[in-house]
Amino acid sequence: MKTNIFACLIPLFMTVCLFSFTACSENNAEGLFKTAQFEELQNNREHAEILYKEILANYPDSEYSKKAEKRLSELNDK
């Protein structure tokens, strides 16, 4: 009986993961920016800087690129 439950749950789980990944990839710059902000709140400045730099490198034309550049500048001024 347990095998049947897992056999049903695995495809469902994979489908949910696929849709989640697709949604995230469309707004990846936004997701990275929000994660970087969260990292700052957690006092993890180093990881926040890595994420901001990733936005600059991979999404230079996005609205979040300018925001990331500003945050990096502000972090470096501290």
PDB file of N, CA and C in Angstrom:
ATOM      1  N   MET A   1       0.818  -1.202   0.000  1.00  0.00           N
ATOM      2  CA  MET A   1       0.000   0.000   0.000  1.00  0.00           C
ATOM      3  C   MET A   1       0.862   1.266   0.000  1.00  0.00           C
ATOM      4  N   LYS A   2       1.942   1.267   0.778  1.00  0.00           N
ATOM      5  CA  LYS A   2       2.809   2.438   0.839  1.00  0.00           C
ATOM      6  C   LYS A   2       3.430   2.738  -0.521  1.00  0.00           C
ATOM      7  N   THR A   3       3.750   1.731  -1.269  1.00  0.00           N
ATOM      8  CA  THR A   3       4.344   1.924  -2.587  1.00  0.00           C
ATOM      9  C   THR A   3       3.390   2.680  -3.500  1.00  0.00           C
ATOM     10  N   ASN A   4       2.112   2.375  -3.435  1.00  0.00           N
ATOM     11  CA  ASN A   4       1.129   3.062  -4.274  1.00  0.00           C
ATOM     12  C   ASN A   4       1.015   4.539  -3.916  1.00  0.00           C
ATOM     13  N   ILE A   5       1.084   4.846  -2.640  1.00  0.00           N
ATOM     14  CA  ILE A   5       1.000   6.248  -2.213  1.00  0.00           C
ATOM     15  C   ILE A   5       2.213   7.015  -2.728  1.00  0.00           C
ATOM     16  N   PHE A   6       3.403   6.445  -2.558  1.00  0.00           N
ATOM     17  CA  PHE A   6       4.615   7.108  -3.032  1.00  0.00           C
ATOM     18  C   PHE A   6       4.648   7.202  -4.548  1.00  0.00           C
ATOM     19  N   ALA A   7       4.128   6.194  -5.203  1.00  0.00           N
ATOM     20  CA  ALA A   7       4.091   6.214  -6.668  1.00  0.00           C
ATOM     21  C   ALA A   7       3.219   7.359  -7.171  1.00  0.00           C
ATOM     22  N   CYS A   8       2.203   7.702  -6.434  1.00  0.00           N
ATOM     23  CA  CYS A   8       1.332   8.823  -6.813  1.00  0.00           C
ATOM     24  C   CYS A   8       1.927  10.165  -6.403  1.00  0.00           C
ATOM     25  N   LEU A   9       2.594  10.196  -5.266  1.00  0.00           N
ATOM     26  CA  LEU A   9       3.115  11.458  -4.751  1.00  0.00           C
ATOM     27  C   LEU A   9       4.349  11.949  -5.503  1.00  0.00           C
ATOM     28  N   ILE A  10       5.165  11.053  -5.975  1.00  0.00           N
ATOM     29  CA  ILE A  10       6.395  11.459  -6.669  1.00  0.00           C
ATOM     30  C   ILE A  10       6.088  12.265  -7.926  1.00  0.00           C
ATOM     31  N   PRO A  11       5.223  11.799  -8.821  1.00  0.00           N
ATOM     32  CA  PRO A  11       4.916  12.638 -10.003  1.00  0.00           C
ATOM     33  C   PRO A  11       4.273  13.980  -9.624  1.00  0.00           C
ATOM     34  N   LEU A  12       3.443  13.963  -8.592  1.00  0.00           N
ATOM     35  CA  LEU A  12       2.817  15.205  -8.138  1.00  0.00           C
ATOM     36  C   LEU A  12       3.876  16.175  -7.634  1.00  0.00           C
ATOM     37  N   PHE A  13       4.801  15.681  -6.819  1.00  0.00           N
ATOM     38  CA  PHE A  13       5.878  16.502  -6.300  1.00  0.00           C
ATOM     39  C   PHE A  13       6.732  17.059  -7.437  1.00  0.00           C
ATOM     40  N   MET A  14       7.050  16.237  -8.406  1.00  0.00           N
ATOM     41  CA  MET A  14       7.870  16.681  -9.541  1.00  0.00           C
ATOM     42  C   MET A  14       7.150  17.752 -10.351  1.00  0.00           C
ATOM     43  N   THR A  15       5.858  17.618 -10.511  1.00  0.00           N
ATOM     44  CA  THR A  15       5.074  18.616 -11.249  1.00  0.00           C
ATOM     45  C   THR A  15       5.076  19.952 -10.516  1.00  0.00           C
ATOM     46  N   VAL A  16       4.881  19.907  -9.208  1.00  0.00           N
ATOM     47  CA  VAL A  16       4.892  21.138  -8.404  1.00  0.00           C
ATOM     48  C   VAL A  16       6.264  21.808  -8.499  1.00  0.00           C
ATOM     49  N   CYS A  17       7.324  21.027  -8.410  1.00  0.00           N
ATOM     50  CA  CYS A  17       8.678  21.582  -8.513  1.00  0.00           C
ATOM     51  C   CYS A  17       8.915  22.213  -9.881  1.00  0.00           C
ATOM     52  N   LEU A  18       8.440  21.565 -10.920  1.00  0.00           N
ATOM     53  CA  LEU A  18       8.616  22.084 -12.275  1.00  0.00           C
ATOM     54  C   LEU A  18       7.921  23.430 -12.436  1.00  0.00           C
ATOM     55  N   PHE A  19       6.677  23.541 -11.960  1.00  0.00           N
ATOM     56  CA  PHE A  19       5.966  24.805 -12.062  1.00  0.00           C
ATOM     57  C   PHE A  19       6.620  25.880 -11.210  1.00  0.00           C
ATOM     58  N   SER A  20       7.120  25.515 -10.050  1.00  0.00           N
ATOM     59  CA  SER A  20       7.799  26.480  -9.195  1.00  0.00           C
ATOM     60  C   SER A  20       9.056  26.991  -9.862  1.00  0.00           C
ATOM     61  N   PHE A  21       9.823  26.097 -10.461  1.00  0.00           N
ATOM     62  CA  PHE A  21      11.054  26.490 -11.133  1.00  0.00           C
ATOM     63  C   PHE A  21      10.762  27.398 -12.315  1.00  0.00           C
ATOM     64  N   THR A  22       9.739  27.085 -13.079  1.00  0.00           N
ATOM     65  CA  THR A  22       9.380  27.906 -14.235  1.00  0.00           C
ATOM     66  C   THR A  22       8.968  29.300 -13.804  1.00  0.00           C
ATOM     67  N   ALA A  23       8.190  29.403 -12.755  1.00  0.00           N
ATOM     68  CA  ALA A  23       7.753  30.715 -12.277  1.00  0.00           C
ATOM     69  C   ALA A  23       8.943  31.519 -11.778  1.00  0.00           C
ATOM     70  N   CYS A  24       9.853  30.872 -11.107  1.00  0.00           N
ATOM     71  CA  CYS A  24      11.021  31.581 -10.577  1.00  0.00           C
ATOM     72  C   CYS A  24      11.945  32.049 -11.684  1.00  0.00           C
ATOM     73  N   SER A  25      12.073  31.276 -12.741  1.00  0.00           N
ATOM     74  CA  SER A  25      13.002  31.655 -13.796  1.00  0.00           C
ATOM     75  C   SER A  25      12.529  32.902 -14.545  1.00  0.00           C
ATOM     76  N   GLU A  26      11.229  33.144 -14.590  1.00  0.00           N
ATOM     77  CA  GLU A  26      10.713  34.320 -15.273  1.00  0.00           C
ATOM     78  C   GLU A  26      11.039  35.592 -14.494  1.00  0.00           C
ATOM     79  N   ASN A  27      11.084  35.497 -13.213  1.00  0.00           N
ATOM     80  CA  ASN A  27      11.343  36.667 -12.375  1.00  0.00           C
ATOM     81  C   ASN A  27      12.592  36.442 -11.536  1.00  0.00           C
ATOM     82  N   ASN A  28      13.591  35.856 -12.146  1.00  0.00           N
ATOM     83  CA  ASN A  28      14.773  35.482 -11.383  1.00  0.00           C
ATOM     84  C   ASN A  28      15.510  36.697 -10.821  1.00  0.00           C
ATOM     85  N   ALA A  29      15.591  37.766 -11.548  1.00  0.00           N
ATOM     86  CA  ALA A  29      16.257  38.966 -11.031  1.00  0.00           C
ATOM     87  C   ALA A  29      15.533  39.474  -9.788  1.00  0.00           C
ATOM     88  N   GLU A  30      14.227  39.460  -9.846  1.00  0.00           N
ATOM     89  CA  GLU A  30      13.438  39.889  -8.685  1.00  0.00           C
ATOM     90  C   GLU A  30      13.658  38.935  -7.512  1.00  0.00           C
ATOM     91  N   GLY A  31      13.639  37.653  -7.783  1.00  0.00           N
ATOM     92  CA  GLY A  31      13.852  36.672  -6.730  1.00  0.00           C
ATOM     93  C   GLY A  31      15.222  36.799  -6.096  1.00  0.00           C
ATOM     94  N   LEU A  32      16.233  37.000  -6.922  1.00  0.00           N
ATOM     95  CA  LEU A  32      17.585  37.193  -6.397  1.00  0.00           C
ATOM     96  C   LEU A  32      17.669  38.448  -5.542  1.00  0.00           C
ATOM     97  N   PHE A  33      17.016  39.514  -6.000  1.00  0.00           N
ATOM     98  CA  PHE A  33      17.057  40.772  -5.257  1.00  0.00           C
ATOM     99  C   PHE A  33      16.382  40.615  -3.901  1.00  0.00           C
ATOM    100  N   LYS A  34      15.230  39.967  -3.879  1.00  0.00           N
ATOM    101  CA  LYS A  34      14.519  39.775  -2.611  1.00  0.00           C
ATOM    102  C   LYS A  34      15.321  38.876  -1.672  1.00  0.00           C
ATOM    103  N   THR A  35      15.970  37.875  -2.223  1.00  0.00           N
ATOM    104  CA  THR A  35      16.806  37.006  -1.402  1.00  0.00           C
ATOM    105  C   THR A  35      17.991  37.778  -0.835  1.00  0.00           C
ATOM    106  N   ALA A  36      18.579  38.639  -1.655  1.00  0.00           N
ATOM    107  CA  ALA A  36      19.698  39.463  -1.187  1.00  0.00           C
ATOM    108  C   ALA A  36      19.250  40.388  -0.062  1.00  0.00           C
ATOM    109  N   GLN A  37      18.077  40.959  -0.198  1.00  0.00           N
ATOM    110  CA  GLN A  37      17.552  41.819   0.869  1.00  0.00           C
ATOM    111  C   GLN A  37      17.364  41.027   2.160  1.00  0.00           C
ATOM    112  N   PHE A  38      16.842  39.817   2.028  1.00  0.00           N
ATOM    113  CA  PHE A  38      16.661  38.958   3.194  1.00  0.00           C
ATOM    114  C   PHE A  38      18.015  38.632   3.835  1.00  0.00           C
ATOM    115  N   GLU A  39      19.007  38.366   2.997  1.00  0.00           N
ATOM    116  CA  GLU A  39      20.344  38.074   3.517  1.00  0.00           C
ATOM    117  C   GLU A  39      20.898  39.273   4.293  1.00  0.00           C
ATOM    118  N   GLU A  40      20.617  40.455   3.818  1.00  0.00           N
ATOM    119  CA  GLU A  40      21.049  41.654   4.553  1.00  0.00           C
ATOM    120  C   GLU A  40      20.373  41.719   5.920  1.00  0.00           C
ATOM    121  N   LEU A  41      19.085  41.416   5.958  1.00  0.00           N
ATOM    122  CA  LEU A  41      18.364  41.423   7.233  1.00  0.00           C
ATOM    123  C   LEU A  41      18.929  40.384   8.202  1.00  0.00           C
ATOM    124  N   GLN A  42      19.463  39.318   7.655  1.00  0.00           N
ATOM    125  CA  GLN A  42      20.045  38.254   8.473  1.00  0.00           C
ATOM    126  C   GLN A  42      21.523  38.525   8.783  1.00  0.00           C
ATOM    127  N   ASN A  43      21.979  39.714   8.441  1.00  0.00           N
ATOM    128  CA  ASN A  43      23.385  40.109   8.635  1.00  0.00           C
ATOM    129  C   ASN A  43      24.359  39.202   7.882  1.00  0.00           C
ATOM    130  N   ASN A  44      23.928  38.735   6.728  1.00  0.00           N
ATOM    131  CA  ASN A  44      24.792  37.924   5.874  1.00  0.00           C
ATOM    132  C   ASN A  44      25.163  38.766   4.658  1.00  0.00           C
ATOM    133  N   ARG A  45      25.944  39.776   4.924  1.00  0.00           N
ATOM    134  CA  ARG A  45      26.324  40.761   3.906  1.00  0.00           C
ATOM    135  C   ARG A  45      27.066  40.120   2.731  1.00  0.00           C
ATOM    136  N   GLU A  46      27.941  39.178   3.042  1.00  0.00           N
ATOM    137  CA  GLU A  46      28.750  38.545   1.993  1.00  0.00           C
ATOM    138  C   GLU A  46      27.872  37.852   0.955  1.00  0.00           C
ATOM    139  N   HIS A  47      26.868  37.106   1.410  1.00  0.00           N
ATOM    140  CA  HIS A  47      25.987  36.422   0.461  1.00  0.00           C
ATOM    141  C   HIS A  47      25.105  37.425  -0.288  1.00  0.00           C
ATOM    142  N   ALA A  48      24.677  38.468   0.388  1.00  0.00           N
ATOM    143  CA  ALA A  48      23.881  39.502  -0.267  1.00  0.00           C
ATOM    144  C   ALA A  48      24.669  40.127  -1.414  1.00  0.00           C
ATOM    145  N   GLU A  49      25.946  40.419  -1.165  1.00  0.00           N
ATOM    146  CA  GLU A  49      26.784  41.005  -2.214  1.00  0.00           C
ATOM    147  C   GLU A  49      26.936  40.055  -3.401  1.00  0.00           C
ATOM    148  N   ILE A  50      27.088  38.775  -3.122  1.00  0.00           N
ATOM    149  CA  ILE A  50      27.197  37.782  -4.207  1.00  0.00           C
ATOM    150  C   ILE A  50      25.928  37.792  -5.053  1.00  0.00           C
ATOM    151  N   LEU A  51      24.779  37.843  -4.398  1.00  0.00           N
ATOM    152  CA  LEU A  51      23.509  37.845  -5.130  1.00  0.00           C
ATOM    153  C   LEU A  51      23.330  39.122  -5.942  1.00  0.00           C
ATOM    154  N   TYR A  52      23.688  40.269  -5.366  1.00  0.00           N
ATOM    155  CA  TYR A  52      23.590  41.528  -6.109  1.00  0.00           C
ATOM    156  C   TYR A  52      24.506  41.500  -7.342  1.00  0.00           C
ATOM    157  N   LYS A  53      25.697  40.960  -7.177  1.00  0.00           N
ATOM    158  CA  LYS A  53      26.619  40.857  -8.315  1.00  0.00           C
ATOM    159  C   LYS A  53      26.102  39.900  -9.372  1.00  0.00           C
ATOM    160  N   GLU A  54      25.412  38.862  -8.938  1.00  0.00           N
ATOM    161  CA  GLU A  54      24.815  37.925  -9.899  1.00  0.00           C
ATOM    162  C   GLU A  54      23.735  38.615 -10.725  1.00  0.00           C
ATOM    163  N   ILE A  55      22.968  39.477 -10.092  1.00  0.00           N
ATOM    164  CA  ILE A  55      21.949  40.245 -10.824  1.00  0.00           C
ATOM    165  C   ILE A  55      22.620  41.124 -11.876  1.00  0.00           C
ATOM    166  N   LEU A  56      23.685  41.819 -11.471  1.00  0.00           N
ATOM    167  CA  LEU A  56      24.393  42.697 -12.408  1.00  0.00           C
ATOM    168  C   LEU A  56      24.965  41.912 -13.589  1.00  0.00           C
ATOM    169  N   ALA A  57      25.490  40.733 -13.322  1.00  0.00           N
ATOM    170  CA  ALA A  57      26.119  39.939 -14.375  1.00  0.00           C
ATOM    171  C   ALA A  57      25.100  39.285 -15.310  1.00  0.00           C
ATOM    172  N   ASN A  58      24.005  38.786 -14.743  1.00  0.00           N
ATOM    173  CA  ASN A  58      23.062  37.994 -15.544  1.00  0.00           C
ATOM    174  C   ASN A  58      21.835  38.751 -16.028  1.00  0.00           C
ATOM    175  N   TYR A  59      21.530  39.864 -15.392  1.00  0.00           N
ATOM    176  CA  TYR A  59      20.332  40.630 -15.763  1.00  0.00           C
ATOM    177  C   TYR A  59      20.654  42.118 -15.843  1.00  0.00           C
ATOM    178  N   PRO A  60      21.634  42.503 -16.645  1.00  0.00           N
ATOM    179  CA  PRO A  60      22.084  43.904 -16.662  1.00  0.00           C
ATOM    180  C   PRO A  60      21.021  44.898 -17.134  1.00  0.00           C
ATOM    181  N   ASP A  61      20.045  44.441 -17.895  1.00  0.00           N
ATOM    182  CA  ASP A  61      19.023  45.350 -18.416  1.00  0.00           C
ATOM    183  C   ASP A  61      17.747  45.360 -17.581  1.00  0.00           C
ATOM    184  N   SER A  62      17.728  44.613 -16.485  1.00  0.00           N
ATOM    185  CA  SER A  62      16.508  44.557 -15.674  1.00  0.00           C
ATOM    186  C   SER A  62      16.446  45.758 -14.736  1.00  0.00           C
ATOM    187  N   GLU A  63      15.257  46.027 -14.247  1.00  0.00           N
ATOM    188  CA  GLU A  63      15.087  47.115 -13.283  1.00  0.00           C
ATOM    189  C   GLU A  63      15.831  46.815 -11.980  1.00  0.00           C
ATOM    190  N   TYR A  64      16.051  45.535 -11.706  1.00  0.00           N
ATOM    191  CA  TYR A  64      16.728  45.144 -10.469  1.00  0.00           C
ATOM    192  C   TYR A  64      18.238  45.329 -10.552  1.00  0.00           C
ATOM    193  N   SER A  65      18.749  45.465 -11.746  1.00  0.00           N
ATOM    194  CA  SER A  65      20.176  45.700 -11.899  1.00  0.00           C
ATOM    195  C   SER A  65      20.566  47.041 -11.284  1.00  0.00           C
ATOM    196  N   LYS A  66      19.778  48.066 -11.547  1.00  0.00           N
ATOM    197  CA  LYS A  66      20.056  49.387 -10.967  1.00  0.00           C
ATOM    198  C   LYS A  66      19.902  49.363  -9.446  1.00  0.00           C
ATOM    199  N   LYS A  67      18.888  48.639  -8.982  1.00  0.00           N
ATOM    200  CA  LYS A  67      18.687  48.532  -7.536  1.00  0.00           C
ATOM    201  C   LYS A  67      19.846  47.784  -6.880  1.00  0.00           C
ATOM    202  N   ALA A  68      20.300  46.725  -7.537  1.00  0.00           N
ATOM    203  CA  ALA A  68      21.414  45.937  -7.003  1.00  0.00           C
ATOM    204  C   ALA A  68      22.690  46.777  -6.962  1.00  0.00           C
ATOM    205  N   GLU A  69      22.907  47.551  -8.012  1.00  0.00           N
ATOM    206  CA  GLU A  69      24.090  48.416  -8.065  1.00  0.00           C
ATOM    207  C   GLU A  69      24.060  49.429  -6.920  1.00  0.00           C
ATOM    208  N   LYS A  70      22.896  49.980  -6.658  1.00  0.00           N
ATOM    209  CA  LYS A  70      22.742  50.950  -5.575  1.00  0.00           C
ATOM    210  C   LYS A  70      23.007  50.295  -4.225  1.00  0.00           C
ATOM    211  N   ARG A  71      22.458  49.092  -4.021  1.00  0.00           N
ATOM    212  CA  ARG A  71      22.665  48.402  -2.750  1.00  0.00           C
ATOM    213  C   ARG A  71      24.135  48.049  -2.547  1.00  0.00           C
ATOM    214  N   LEU A  72      24.802  47.600  -3.605  1.00  0.00           N
ATOM    215  CA  LEU A  72      26.227  47.288  -3.502  1.00  0.00           C
ATOM    216  C   LEU A  72      27.023  48.531  -3.114  1.00  0.00           C
ATOM    217  N   SER A  73      26.693  49.644  -3.723  1.00  0.00           N
ATOM    218  CA  SER A  73      27.364  50.892  -3.411  1.00  0.00           C
ATOM    219  C   SER A  73      27.145  51.268  -1.945  1.00  0.00           C
ATOM    220  N   GLU A  74      25.926  51.139  -1.483  1.00  0.00           N
ATOM    221  CA  GLU A  74      25.606  51.476  -0.091  1.00  0.00           C
ATOM    222  C   GLU A  74      26.303  50.528   0.874  1.00  0.00           C
ATOM    223  N   LEU A  75      26.383  49.255   0.530  1.00  0.00           N
ATOM    224  CA  LEU A  75      27.070  48.289   1.399  1.00  0.00           C
ATOM    225  C   LEU A  75      28.561  48.578   1.475  1.00  0.00           C
ATOM    226  N   ASN A  76      29.127  49.003   0.345  1.00  0.00           N
ATOM    227  CA  ASN A  76      30.563  49.294   0.322  1.00  0.00           C
ATOM    228  C   ASN A  76      30.905  50.597   1.039  1.00  0.00           C
ATOM    229  N   ASP A  77      29.905  51.483   1.191  1.00  0.00           N
ATOM    230  CA  ASP A  77      30.131  52.736   1.901  1.00  0.00           C
ATOM    231  C   ASP A  77      30.130  52.542   3.412  1.00  0.00           C
ATOM    232  N   LYS A  78      29.614  51.422   3.871  1.00  0.00           N
ATOM    233  CA  LYS A  78      29.540  51.170   5.322  1.00  0.00           C
ATOM    234  C   LYS A  78      30.864  50.761   5.882  1.00  0.00           C
TER     235      LYS A  78
END
